[in-house]
Amino acid sequence: GGLVQAGGSLKLSCAASGLTFTNYAMGWFRQAPGKEREFVAAV
């Protein structure tokens, strides 16, 4: 995460541990101030 200008790109990464990774579906969510958590993507 970080600060980026509109139109730019950013890559987030999530490192998992303590689980058998291939047994889990993974997802990304986001939450802005004053808003509920929102679904972004899942695999």
ModelCIF file with pLDDT and N, C-alpha, C, O atoms, coordinates in Angstrom:
data_MODEL
#
_entry.id   MODEL 
#
_entity.id                         1 
_entity.type                       polymer 
_entity.pdbx_number_of_molecules   1 
#
_entity_poly.entity_id                      1 
_entity_poly.type                           'polypeptide(L)' 
_entity_poly.nstd_linkage                   no 
_entity_poly.nstd_monomer                   no 
_entity_poly.pdbx_seq_one_letter_code       GGLVQAGGSLKLSCAASGLTFTNYAMGWFRQAPGKEREFVAAV 
_entity_poly.pdbx_seq_one_letter_code_can   GGLVQAGGSLKLSCAASGLTFTNYAMGWFRQAPGKEREFVAAV 
_entity_poly.pdbx_strand_id                 A 
#
loop_
_entity_poly_seq.entity_id 
_entity_poly_seq.num 
_entity_poly_seq.mon_id 
_entity_poly_seq.hetero 
1 1  GLY n 
1 2  GLY n 
1 3  LEU n 
1 4  VAL n 
1 5  GLN n 
1 6  ALA n 
1 7  GLY n 
1 8  GLY n 
1 9  SER n 
1 10 LEU n 
1 11 LYS n 
1 12 LEU n 
1 13 SER n 
1 14 CYS n 
1 15 ALA n 
1 16 ALA n 
1 17 SER n 
1 18 GLY n 
1 19 LEU n 
1 20 THR n 
1 21 PHE n 
1 22 THR n 
1 23 ASN n 
1 24 TYR n 
1 25 ALA n 
1 26 MET n 
1 27 GLY n 
1 28 TRP n 
1 29 PHE n 
1 30 ARG n 
1 31 GLN n 
1 32 ALA n 
1 33 PRO n 
1 34 GLY n 
1 35 LYS n 
1 36 GLU n 
1 37 ARG n 
1 38 GLU n 
1 39 PHE n 
1 40 VAL n 
1 41 ALA n 
1 42 ALA n 
1 43 VAL n 
#
_struct_asym.id          A 
_struct_asym.entity_id   1 
#
loop_
_ma_qa_metric.id 
_ma_qa_metric.mode 
_ma_qa_metric.name 
_ma_qa_metric.software_group_id 
_ma_qa_metric.type 
1 global pLDDT . pLDDT 
2 local  pLDDT . pLDDT 
#
_ma_qa_metric_global.metric_id      1 
_ma_qa_metric_global.metric_value   97.40 
_ma_qa_metric_global.model_id       1 
_ma_qa_metric_global.ordinal_id     1 
#
loop_
_ma_qa_metric_local.label_asym_id 
_ma_qa_metric_local.label_comp_id 
_ma_qa_metric_local.label_seq_id 
_ma_qa_metric_local.metric_id 
_ma_qa_metric_local.metric_value 
_ma_qa_metric_local.model_id 
_ma_qa_metric_local.ordinal_id 
A GLY 1  2 98.00 1 1  
A GLY 2  2 98.00 1 2  
A LEU 3  2 98.00 1 3  
A VAL 4  2 98.00 1 4  
A GLN 5  2 98.00 1 5  
A ALA 6  2 98.00 1 6  
A GLY 7  2 98.00 1 7  
A GLY 8  2 98.00 1 8  
A SER 9  2 98.00 1 9  
A LEU 10 2 98.00 1 10 
A LYS 11 2 98.00 1 11 
A LEU 12 2 98.00 1 12 
A SER 13 2 98.00 1 13 
A CYS 14 2 98.00 1 14 
A ALA 15 2 98.00 1 15 
A ALA 16 2 98.00 1 16 
A SER 17 2 98.00 1 17 
A GLY 18 2 97.00 1 18 
A LEU 19 2 96.00 1 19 
A THR 20 2 97.00 1 20 
A PHE 21 2 97.00 1 21 
A THR 22 2 97.00 1 22 
A ASN 23 2 97.00 1 23 
A TYR 24 2 98.00 1 24 
A ALA 25 2 98.00 1 25 
A MET 26 2 98.00 1 26 
A GLY 27 2 97.00 1 27 
A TRP 28 2 98.00 1 28 
A PHE 29 2 98.00 1 29 
A ARG 30 2 98.00 1 30 
A GLN 31 2 98.00 1 31 
A ALA 32 2 98.00 1 32 
A PRO 33 2 94.00 1 33 
A GLY 34 2 95.00 1 34 
A LYS 35 2 97.00 1 35 
A GLU 36 2 97.00 1 36 
A ARG 37 2 97.00 1 37 
A GLU 38 2 96.00 1 38 
A PHE 39 2 96.00 1 39 
A VAL 40 2 97.00 1 40 
A ALA 41 2 97.00 1 41 
A ALA 42 2 97.00 1 42 
A VAL 43 2 97.00 1 43 
#
loop_
_atom_site.group_PDB 
_atom_site.id 
_atom_site.type_symbol 
_atom_site.label_atom_id 
_atom_site.label_alt_id 
_atom_site.label_comp_id 
_atom_site.label_asym_id 
_atom_site.label_entity_id 
_atom_site.label_seq_id 
_atom_site.pdbx_PDB_ins_code 
_atom_site.Cartn_x 
_atom_site.Cartn_y 
_atom_site.Cartn_z 
_atom_site.occupancy 
_atom_site.B_iso_or_equiv 
_atom_site.pdbx_formal_charge 
_atom_site.auth_seq_id 
_atom_site.auth_comp_id 
_atom_site.auth_asym_id 
_atom_site.auth_atom_id 
_atom_site.pdbx_PDB_model_num 
ATOM 1   N N  . GLY A 1 1  ? 0.815   -1.199  0.000   1.00 98.00 ? 1  GLY A N  1 
ATOM 2   C CA . GLY A 1 1  ? 0.000   0.000   0.000   1.00 98.00 ? 1  GLY A CA 1 
ATOM 3   C C  . GLY A 1 1  ? 0.851   1.252   0.000   1.00 98.00 ? 1  GLY A C  1 
ATOM 4   O O  . GLY A 1 1  ? 2.054   1.211   0.257   1.00 98.00 ? 1  GLY A O  1 
ATOM 5   N N  . GLY A 1 2  ? 0.199   2.367   -0.294  1.00 98.00 ? 2  GLY A N  1 
ATOM 6   C CA . GLY A 1 2  ? 0.899   3.628   -0.322  1.00 98.00 ? 2  GLY A CA 1 
ATOM 7   C C  . GLY A 1 2  ? 0.086   4.705   -0.993  1.00 98.00 ? 2  GLY A C  1 
ATOM 8   O O  . GLY A 1 2  ? -1.120  4.565   -1.194  1.00 98.00 ? 2  GLY A O  1 
ATOM 9   N N  . LEU A 1 3  ? 0.763   5.782   -1.337  1.00 98.00 ? 3  LEU A N  1 
ATOM 10  C CA . LEU A 1 3  ? 0.158   6.933   -1.982  1.00 98.00 ? 3  LEU A CA 1 
ATOM 11  C C  . LEU A 1 3  ? 0.482   6.913   -3.470  1.00 98.00 ? 3  LEU A C  1 
ATOM 12  O O  . LEU A 1 3  ? 1.638   6.753   -3.862  1.00 98.00 ? 3  LEU A O  1 
ATOM 13  N N  . VAL A 1 4  ? -0.541  7.076   -4.287  1.00 98.00 ? 4  VAL A N  1 
ATOM 14  C CA . VAL A 1 4  ? -0.359  7.061   -5.726  1.00 98.00 ? 4  VAL A CA 1 
ATOM 15  C C  . VAL A 1 4  ? -1.302  8.079   -6.353  1.00 98.00 ? 4  VAL A C  1 
ATOM 16  O O  . VAL A 1 4  ? -2.382  8.339   -5.823  1.00 98.00 ? 4  VAL A O  1 
ATOM 17  N N  . GLN A 1 5  ? -0.900  8.646   -7.468  1.00 98.00 ? 5  GLN A N  1 
ATOM 18  C CA . GLN A 1 5  ? -1.745  9.600   -8.172  1.00 98.00 ? 5  GLN A CA 1 
ATOM 19  C C  . GLN A 1 5  ? -2.818  8.887   -8.979  1.00 98.00 ? 5  GLN A C  1 
ATOM 20  O O  . GLN A 1 5  ? -2.641  7.747   -9.408  1.00 98.00 ? 5  GLN A O  1 
ATOM 21  N N  . ALA A 1 6  ? -3.928  9.577   -9.177  1.00 98.00 ? 6  ALA A N  1 
ATOM 22  C CA . ALA A 1 6  ? -4.997  9.028   -10.004 1.00 98.00 ? 6  ALA A CA 1 
ATOM 23  C C  . ALA A 1 6  ? -4.460  8.634   -11.376 1.00 98.00 ? 6  ALA A C  1 
ATOM 24  O O  . ALA A 1 6  ? -3.667  9.355   -11.982 1.00 98.00 ? 6  ALA A O  1 
ATOM 25  N N  . GLY A 1 7  ? -4.908  7.484   -11.846 1.00 98.00 ? 7  GLY A N  1 
ATOM 26  C CA . GLY A 1 7  ? -4.435  6.956   -13.106 1.00 98.00 ? 7  GLY A CA 1 
ATOM 27  C C  . GLY A 1 7  ? -3.244  6.038   -12.978 1.00 98.00 ? 7  GLY A C  1 
ATOM 28  O O  . GLY A 1 7  ? -2.877  5.356   -13.935 1.00 98.00 ? 7  GLY A O  1 
ATOM 29  N N  . GLY A 1 8  ? -2.644  6.012   -11.822 1.00 98.00 ? 8  GLY A N  1 
ATOM 30  C CA . GLY A 1 8  ? -1.484  5.187   -11.598 1.00 98.00 ? 8  GLY A CA 1 
ATOM 31  C C  . GLY A 1 8  ? -1.831  3.769   -11.214 1.00 98.00 ? 8  GLY A C  1 
ATOM 32  O O  . GLY A 1 8  ? -2.997  3.376   -11.202 1.00 98.00 ? 8  GLY A O  1 
ATOM 33  N N  . SER A 1 9  ? -0.804  3.008   -10.901 1.00 98.00 ? 9  SER A N  1 
ATOM 34  C CA . SER A 1 9  ? -0.955  1.596   -10.564 1.00 98.00 ? 9  SER A CA 1 
ATOM 35  C C  . SER A 1 9  ? -0.262  1.282   -9.254  1.00 98.00 ? 9  SER A C  1 
ATOM 36  O O  . SER A 1 9  ? 0.665   1.970   -8.825  1.00 98.00 ? 9  SER A O  1 
ATOM 37  N N  . LEU A 1 10 ? -0.739  0.230   -8.643  1.00 98.00 ? 10 LEU A N  1 
ATOM 38  C CA . LEU A 1 10 ? -0.174  -0.237  -7.393  1.00 98.00 ? 10 LEU A CA 1 
ATOM 39  C C  . LEU A 1 10 ? -0.430  -1.728  -7.287  1.00 98.00 ? 10 LEU A C  1 
ATOM 40  O O  . LEU A 1 10 ? -1.464  -2.222  -7.739  1.00 98.00 ? 10 LEU A O  1 
ATOM 41  N N  . LYS A 1 11 ? 0.505   -2.441  -6.694  1.00 98.00 ? 11 LYS A N  1 
ATOM 42  C CA . LYS A 1 11 ? 0.345   -3.871  -6.509  1.00 98.00 ? 11 LYS A CA 1 
ATOM 43  C C  . LYS A 1 11 ? 0.410   -4.215  -5.031  1.00 98.00 ? 11 LYS A C  1 
ATOM 44  O O  . LYS A 1 11 ? 1.389   -3.912  -4.349  1.00 98.00 ? 11 LYS A O  1 
ATOM 45  N N  . LEU A 1 12 ? -0.636  -4.844  -4.553  1.00 98.00 ? 12 LEU A N  1 
ATOM 46  C CA . LEU A 1 12 ? -0.689  -5.321  -3.184  1.00 98.00 ? 12 LEU A CA 1 
ATOM 47  C C  . LEU A 1 12 ? -0.354  -6.803  -3.138  1.00 98.00 ? 12 LEU A C  1 
ATOM 48  O O  . LEU A 1 12 ? -0.611  -7.544  -4.086  1.00 98.00 ? 12 LEU A O  1 
ATOM 49  N N  . SER A 1 13 ? 0.216   -7.216  -2.033  1.00 98.00 ? 13 SER A N  1 
ATOM 50  C CA . SER A 1 13 ? 0.533   -8.618  -1.845  1.00 98.00 ? 13 SER A CA 1 
ATOM 51  C C  . SER A 1 13 ? 0.092   -9.051  -0.455  1.00 98.00 ? 13 SER A C  1 
ATOM 52  O O  . SER A 1 13 ? 0.146   -8.273  0.497   1.00 98.00 ? 13 SER A O  1 
ATOM 53  N N  . CYS A 1 14 ? -0.338  -10.279 -0.351  1.00 98.00 ? 14 CYS A N  1 
ATOM 54  C CA . CYS A 1 14 ? -0.752  -10.859 0.923   1.00 98.00 ? 14 CYS A CA 1 
ATOM 55  C C  . CYS A 1 14 ? 0.005   -12.161 1.126   1.00 98.00 ? 14 CYS A C  1 
ATOM 56  O O  . CYS A 1 14 ? -0.100  -13.086 0.320   1.00 98.00 ? 14 CYS A O  1 
ATOM 57  N N  . ALA A 1 15 ? 0.760   -12.223 2.197   1.00 98.00 ? 15 ALA A N  1 
ATOM 58  C CA . ALA A 1 15 ? 1.498   -13.429 2.549   1.00 98.00 ? 15 ALA A CA 1 
ATOM 59  C C  . ALA A 1 15 ? 0.733   -14.193 3.613   1.00 98.00 ? 15 ALA A C  1 
ATOM 60  O O  . ALA A 1 15 ? 0.392   -13.639 4.658   1.00 98.00 ? 15 ALA A O  1 
ATOM 61  N N  . ALA A 1 16 ? 0.465   -15.452 3.352   1.00 98.00 ? 16 ALA A N  1 
ATOM 62  C CA . ALA A 1 16 ? -0.300  -16.291 4.267   1.00 98.00 ? 16 ALA A CA 1 
ATOM 63  C C  . ALA A 1 16 ? 0.610   -17.285 4.963   1.00 98.00 ? 16 ALA A C  1 
ATOM 64  O O  . ALA A 1 16 ? 1.560   -17.800 4.374   1.00 98.00 ? 16 ALA A O  1 
ATOM 65  N N  . SER A 1 17 ? 0.308   -17.543 6.216   1.00 98.00 ? 17 SER A N  1 
ATOM 66  C CA . SER A 1 17 ? 1.032   -18.547 6.980   1.00 98.00 ? 17 SER A CA 1 
ATOM 67  C C  . SER A 1 17 ? 0.085   -19.179 7.994   1.00 98.00 ? 17 SER A C  1 
ATOM 68  O O  . SER A 1 17 ? -0.980  -18.635 8.284   1.00 98.00 ? 17 SER A O  1 
ATOM 69  N N  . GLY A 1 18 ? 0.481   -20.324 8.527   1.00 97.00 ? 18 GLY A N  1 
ATOM 70  C CA . GLY A 1 18 ? -0.343  -21.002 9.504   1.00 97.00 ? 18 GLY A CA 1 
ATOM 71  C C  . GLY A 1 18 ? -1.517  -21.755 8.917   1.00 97.00 ? 18 GLY A C  1 
ATOM 72  O O  . GLY A 1 18 ? -2.435  -22.139 9.642   1.00 97.00 ? 18 GLY A O  1 
ATOM 73  N N  . LEU A 1 19 ? -1.499  -21.967 7.630   1.00 96.00 ? 19 LEU A N  1 
ATOM 74  C CA . LEU A 1 19 ? -2.559  -22.706 6.960   1.00 96.00 ? 19 LEU A CA 1 
ATOM 75  C C  . LEU A 1 19 ? -1.992  -23.469 5.782   1.00 96.00 ? 19 LEU A C  1 
ATOM 76  O O  . LEU A 1 19 ? -0.894  -23.191 5.300   1.00 96.00 ? 19 LEU A O  1 
ATOM 77  N N  . THR A 1 20 ? -2.769  -24.437 5.332   1.00 97.00 ? 20 THR A N  1 
ATOM 78  C CA . THR A 1 20 ? -2.441  -25.103 4.078   1.00 97.00 ? 20 THR A CA 1 
ATOM 79  C C  . THR A 1 20 ? -3.047  -24.260 2.972   1.00 97.00 ? 20 THR A C  1 
ATOM 80  O O  . THR A 1 20 ? -4.250  -24.318 2.715   1.00 97.00 ? 20 THR A O  1 
ATOM 81  N N  . PHE A 1 21 ? -2.218  -23.491 2.334   1.00 97.00 ? 21 PHE A N  1 
ATOM 82  C CA . PHE A 1 21 ? -2.677  -22.423 1.460   1.00 97.00 ? 21 PHE A CA 1 
ATOM 83  C C  . PHE A 1 21 ? -3.615  -22.916 0.363   1.00 97.00 ? 21 PHE A C  1 
ATOM 84  O O  . PHE A 1 21 ? -4.594  -22.248 0.032   1.00 97.00 ? 21 PHE A O  1 
ATOM 85  N N  . THR A 1 22 ? -3.320  -24.070 -0.192  1.00 97.00 ? 22 THR A N  1 
ATOM 86  C CA . THR A 1 22 ? -4.124  -24.586 -1.293  1.00 97.00 ? 22 THR A CA 1 
ATOM 87  C C  . THR A 1 22 ? -5.517  -25.040 -0.863  1.00 97.00 ? 22 THR A C  1 
ATOM 88  O O  . THR A 1 22 ? -6.351  -25.339 -1.718  1.00 97.00 ? 22 THR A O  1 
ATOM 89  N N  . ASN A 1 23 ? -5.786  -25.096 0.428   1.00 97.00 ? 23 ASN A N  1 
ATOM 90  C CA . ASN A 1 23 ? -7.113  -25.444 0.928   1.00 97.00 ? 23 ASN A CA 1 
ATOM 91  C C  . ASN A 1 23 ? -8.015  -24.228 1.122   1.00 97.00 ? 23 ASN A C  1 
ATOM 92  O O  . ASN A 1 23 ? -9.158  -24.370 1.555   1.00 97.00 ? 23 ASN A O  1 
ATOM 93  N N  . TYR A 1 24 ? -7.518  -23.050 0.810   1.00 98.00 ? 24 TYR A N  1 
ATOM 94  C CA . TYR A 1 24 ? -8.253  -21.827 1.107   1.00 98.00 ? 24 TYR A CA 1 
ATOM 95  C C  . TYR A 1 24 ? -8.494  -20.982 -0.127  1.00 98.00 ? 24 TYR A C  1 
ATOM 96  O O  . TYR A 1 24 ? -7.596  -20.747 -0.936  1.00 98.00 ? 24 TYR A O  1 
ATOM 97  N N  . ALA A 1 25 ? -9.733  -20.533 -0.248  1.00 98.00 ? 25 ALA A N  1 
ATOM 98  C CA . ALA A 1 25 ? -10.015 -19.450 -1.169  1.00 98.00 ? 25 ALA A CA 1 
ATOM 99  C C  . ALA A 1 25 ? -9.473  -18.157 -0.571  1.00 98.00 ? 25 ALA A C  1 
ATOM 100 O O  . ALA A 1 25 ? -9.439  -17.994 0.649   1.00 98.00 ? 25 ALA A O  1 
ATOM 101 N N  . MET A 1 26 ? -9.057  -17.253 -1.426  1.00 98.00 ? 26 MET A N  1 
ATOM 102 C CA . MET A 1 26 ? -8.466  -15.998 -0.972  1.00 98.00 ? 26 MET A CA 1 
ATOM 103 C C  . MET A 1 26 ? -9.208  -14.826 -1.584  1.00 98.00 ? 26 MET A C  1 
ATOM 104 O O  . MET A 1 26 ? -9.733  -14.914 -2.693  1.00 98.00 ? 26 MET A O  1 
ATOM 105 N N  . GLY A 1 27 ? -9.242  -13.736 -0.850  1.00 97.00 ? 27 GLY A N  1 
ATOM 106 C CA . GLY A 1 27 ? -9.961  -12.574 -1.335  1.00 97.00 ? 27 GLY A CA 1 
ATOM 107 C C  . GLY A 1 27 ? -9.345  -11.270 -0.881  1.00 97.00 ? 27 GLY A C  1 
ATOM 108 O O  . GLY A 1 27 ? -8.499  -11.229 0.013   1.00 97.00 ? 27 GLY A O  1 
ATOM 109 N N  . TRP A 1 28 ? -9.794  -10.205 -1.525  1.00 98.00 ? 28 TRP A N  1 
ATOM 110 C CA . TRP A 1 28 ? -9.425  -8.840  -1.160  1.00 98.00 ? 28 TRP A CA 1 
ATOM 111 C C  . TRP A 1 28 ? -10.689 -8.029  -0.918  1.00 98.00 ? 28 TRP A C  1 
ATOM 112 O O  . TRP A 1 28 ? -11.666 -8.132  -1.660  1.00 98.00 ? 28 TRP A O  1 
ATOM 113 N N  . PHE A 1 29 ? -10.648 -7.230  0.122   1.00 98.00 ? 29 PHE A N  1 
ATOM 114 C CA . PHE A 1 29 ? -11.734 -6.329  0.469   1.00 98.00 ? 29 PHE A CA 1 
ATOM 115 C C  . PHE A 1 29 ? -11.150 -4.964  0.794   1.00 98.00 ? 29 PHE A C  1 
ATOM 116 O O  . PHE A 1 29 ? -9.949  -4.830  1.028   1.00 98.00 ? 29 PHE A O  1 
ATOM 117 N N  . ARG A 1 30 ? -12.001 -3.967  0.806   1.00 98.00 ? 30 ARG A N  1 
ATOM 118 C CA . ARG A 1 30 ? -11.531 -2.637  1.168   1.00 98.00 ? 30 ARG A CA 1 
ATOM 119 C C  . ARG A 1 30 ? -12.580 -1.919  1.988   1.00 98.00 ? 30 ARG A C  1 
ATOM 120 O O  . ARG A 1 30 ? -13.771 -2.224  1.924   1.00 98.00 ? 30 ARG A O  1 
ATOM 121 N N  . GLN A 1 31 ? -12.110 -0.962  2.754   1.00 98.00 ? 31 GLN A N  1 
ATOM 122 C CA . GLN A 1 31 ? -13.006 -0.182  3.589   1.00 98.00 ? 31 GLN A CA 1 
ATOM 123 C C  . GLN A 1 31 ? -12.515 1.254   3.650   1.00 98.00 ? 31 GLN A C  1 
ATOM 124 O O  . GLN A 1 31 ? -11.400 1.532   4.092   1.00 98.00 ? 31 GLN A O  1 
ATOM 125 N N  . ALA A 1 32 ? -13.363 2.149   3.202   1.00 98.00 ? 32 ALA A N  1 
ATOM 126 C CA . ALA A 1 32 ? -13.080 3.571   3.255   1.00 98.00 ? 32 ALA A CA 1 
ATOM 127 C C  . ALA A 1 32 ? -13.702 4.160   4.518   1.00 98.00 ? 32 ALA A C  1 
ATOM 128 O O  . ALA A 1 32 ? -14.636 3.580   5.072   1.00 98.00 ? 32 ALA A O  1 
ATOM 129 N N  . PRO A 1 33 ? -13.202 5.296   4.978   1.00 94.00 ? 33 PRO A N  1 
ATOM 130 C CA . PRO A 1 33 ? -13.765 5.919   6.178   1.00 94.00 ? 33 PRO A CA 1 
ATOM 131 C C  . PRO A 1 33 ? -15.261 6.164   6.042   1.00 94.00 ? 33 PRO A C  1 
ATOM 132 O O  . PRO A 1 33 ? -15.723 6.712   5.041   1.00 94.00 ? 33 PRO A O  1 
ATOM 133 N N  . GLY A 1 34 ? -16.010 5.753   7.053   1.00 95.00 ? 34 GLY A N  1 
ATOM 134 C CA . GLY A 1 34 ? -17.441 5.958   7.054   1.00 95.00 ? 34 GLY A CA 1 
ATOM 135 C C  . GLY A 1 34 ? -18.235 5.002   6.196   1.00 95.00 ? 34 GLY A C  1 
ATOM 136 O O  . GLY A 1 34 ? -19.454 5.141   6.095   1.00 95.00 ? 34 GLY A O  1 
ATOM 137 N N  . LYS A 1 35 ? -17.588 4.041   5.578   1.00 97.00 ? 35 LYS A N  1 
ATOM 138 C CA . LYS A 1 35 ? -18.268 3.090   4.712   1.00 97.00 ? 35 LYS A CA 1 
ATOM 139 C C  . LYS A 1 35 ? -18.057 1.664   5.214   1.00 97.00 ? 35 LYS A C  1 
ATOM 140 O O  . LYS A 1 35 ? -17.136 1.383   5.980   1.00 97.00 ? 35 LYS A O  1 
ATOM 141 N N  . GLU A 1 36 ? -18.925 0.785   4.765   1.00 97.00 ? 36 GLU A N  1 
ATOM 142 C CA . GLU A 1 36 ? -18.801 -0.613  5.124   1.00 97.00 ? 36 GLU A CA 1 
ATOM 143 C C  . GLU A 1 36 ? -17.749 -1.296  4.268   1.00 97.00 ? 36 GLU A C  1 
ATOM 144 O O  . GLU A 1 36 ? -17.401 -0.823  3.186   1.00 97.00 ? 36 GLU A O  1 
ATOM 145 N N  . ARG A 1 37 ? -17.258 -2.402  4.766   1.00 97.00 ? 37 ARG A N  1 
ATOM 146 C CA . ARG A 1 37 ? -16.264 -3.156  4.034   1.00 97.00 ? 37 ARG A CA 1 
ATOM 147 C C  . ARG A 1 37 ? -16.862 -3.678  2.731   1.00 97.00 ? 37 ARG A C  1 
ATOM 148 O O  . ARG A 1 37 ? -17.985 -4.181  2.708   1.00 97.00 ? 37 ARG A O  1 
ATOM 149 N N  . GLU A 1 38 ? -16.102 -3.552  1.652   1.00 96.00 ? 38 GLU A N  1 
ATOM 150 C CA . GLU A 1 38 ? -16.578 -3.825  0.311   1.00 96.00 ? 38 GLU A CA 1 
ATOM 151 C C  . GLU A 1 38 ? -15.770 -4.947  -0.341  1.00 96.00 ? 38 GLU A C  1 
ATOM 152 O O  . GLU A 1 38 ? -14.546 -4.996  -0.224  1.00 96.00 ? 38 GLU A O  1 
ATOM 153 N N  . PHE A 1 39 ? -16.466 -5.833  -1.018  1.00 96.00 ? 39 PHE A N  1 
ATOM 154 C CA . PHE A 1 39 ? -15.812 -6.900  -1.766  1.00 96.00 ? 39 PHE A CA 1 
ATOM 155 C C  . PHE A 1 39 ? -15.073 -6.337  -2.967  1.00 96.00 ? 39 PHE A C  1 
ATOM 156 O O  . PHE A 1 39 ? -15.611 -5.512  -3.706  1.00 96.00 ? 39 PHE A O  1 
ATOM 157 N N  . VAL A 1 40 ? -13.849 -6.782  -3.158  1.00 97.00 ? 40 VAL A N  1 
ATOM 158 C CA . VAL A 1 40 ? -13.030 -6.336  -4.279  1.00 97.00 ? 40 VAL A CA 1 
ATOM 159 C C  . VAL A 1 40 ? -12.780 -7.466  -5.265  1.00 97.00 ? 40 VAL A C  1 
ATOM 160 O O  . VAL A 1 40 ? -13.060 -7.323  -6.455  1.00 97.00 ? 40 VAL A O  1 
ATOM 161 N N  . ALA A 1 41 ? -12.259 -8.580  -4.784  1.00 97.00 ? 41 ALA A N  1 
ATOM 162 C CA . ALA A 1 41 ? -11.915 -9.687  -5.662  1.00 97.00 ? 41 ALA A CA 1 
ATOM 163 C C  . ALA A 1 41 ? -11.704 -10.945 -4.838  1.00 97.00 ? 41 ALA A C  1 
ATOM 164 O O  . ALA A 1 41 ? -11.406 -10.879 -3.646  1.00 97.00 ? 41 ALA A O  1 
ATOM 165 N N  . ALA A 1 42 ? -11.862 -12.089 -5.484  1.00 97.00 ? 42 ALA A N  1 
ATOM 166 C CA . ALA A 1 42 ? -11.604 -13.361 -4.827  1.00 97.00 ? 42 ALA A CA 1 
ATOM 167 C C  . ALA A 1 42 ? -11.174 -14.393 -5.857  1.00 97.00 ? 42 ALA A C  1 
ATOM 168 O O  . ALA A 1 42 ? -11.469 -14.268 -7.046  1.00 97.00 ? 42 ALA A O  1 
ATOM 169 N N  . VAL A 1 43 ? -10.478 -15.402 -5.385  1.00 97.00 ? 43 VAL A N  1 
ATOM 170 C CA . VAL A 1 43 ? -9.976  -16.454 -6.249  1.00 97.00 ? 43 VAL A CA 1 
ATOM 171 C C  . VAL A 1 43 ? -10.103 -17.790 -5.535  1.00 97.00 ? 43 VAL A C  1 
ATOM 172 O O  . VAL A 1 43 ? -9.734  -18.824 -6.090  1.00 97.00 ? 43 VAL A O  1 
#
